[in-house]
Amino acid sequence: MKILYFTLHIKVVKHDFMVQLQISVRLFFFFFFFLKYI
């Protein structure tokens, strides 16, 4: 039971990390293009 919970926790954390990463990448590209065209 504990192992199952642990694996679920890792999956959730991994998912959160991926979402954060995608948001960061989008923000980075947004700022990059924004500064480029000014």
Protein backbone atom coordinates (compact mmCIF):
# COMPACT_ATOMS: atom_id res chain seq x y z
CA MET A 1 0.00 0.00 0.00
CA LYS A 2 2.75 2.41 0.91
CA ILE A 3 4.65 1.59 -2.29
CA LEU A 4 1.54 2.23 -4.38
CA TYR A 5 1.04 5.58 -2.69
CA PHE A 6 4.69 6.43 -3.27
CA THR A 7 4.52 5.65 -7.00
CA LEU A 8 1.34 7.70 -7.32
CA HIS A 9 3.00 10.57 -5.51
CA ILE A 10 5.99 10.40 -7.89
CA LYS A 11 3.67 10.41 -10.91
CA VAL A 12 1.84 13.48 -9.61
CA VAL A 13 5.08 15.31 -8.84
CA LYS A 14 6.47 14.38 -12.25
CA HIS A 15 3.29 15.63 -13.93
CA ASP A 16 3.44 18.91 -11.98
CA PHE A 17 7.06 19.30 -12.97
CA MET A 18 6.25 18.77 -16.65
CA VAL A 19 3.44 21.33 -16.50
CA GLN A 20 5.73 23.86 -14.80
CA LEU A 21 8.38 23.18 -17.41
CA GLN A 22 5.97 23.74 -20.30
CA ILE A 23 4.74 27.00 -18.76
CA SER A 24 8.32 28.18 -18.25
CA VAL A 25 9.26 27.32 -21.83
CA ARG A 26 6.22 29.18 -23.18
CA LEU A 27 6.98 32.23 -21.08
CA PHE A 28 10.60 32.15 -22.18
CA PHE A 29 9.66 32.00 -25.87
CA PHE A 30 7.03 34.67 -25.40
CA PHE A 31 9.55 37.06 -23.85
CA PHE A 32 12.18 36.11 -26.43
CA PHE A 33 9.93 37.01 -29.37
CA PHE A 34 8.52 40.02 -27.57
CA LEU A 35 11.99 41.50 -27.05
CA LYS A 36 13.07 40.52 -30.55
CA TYR A 37 10.27 42.46 -32.24
CA ILE A 38 10.54 45.61 -30.16
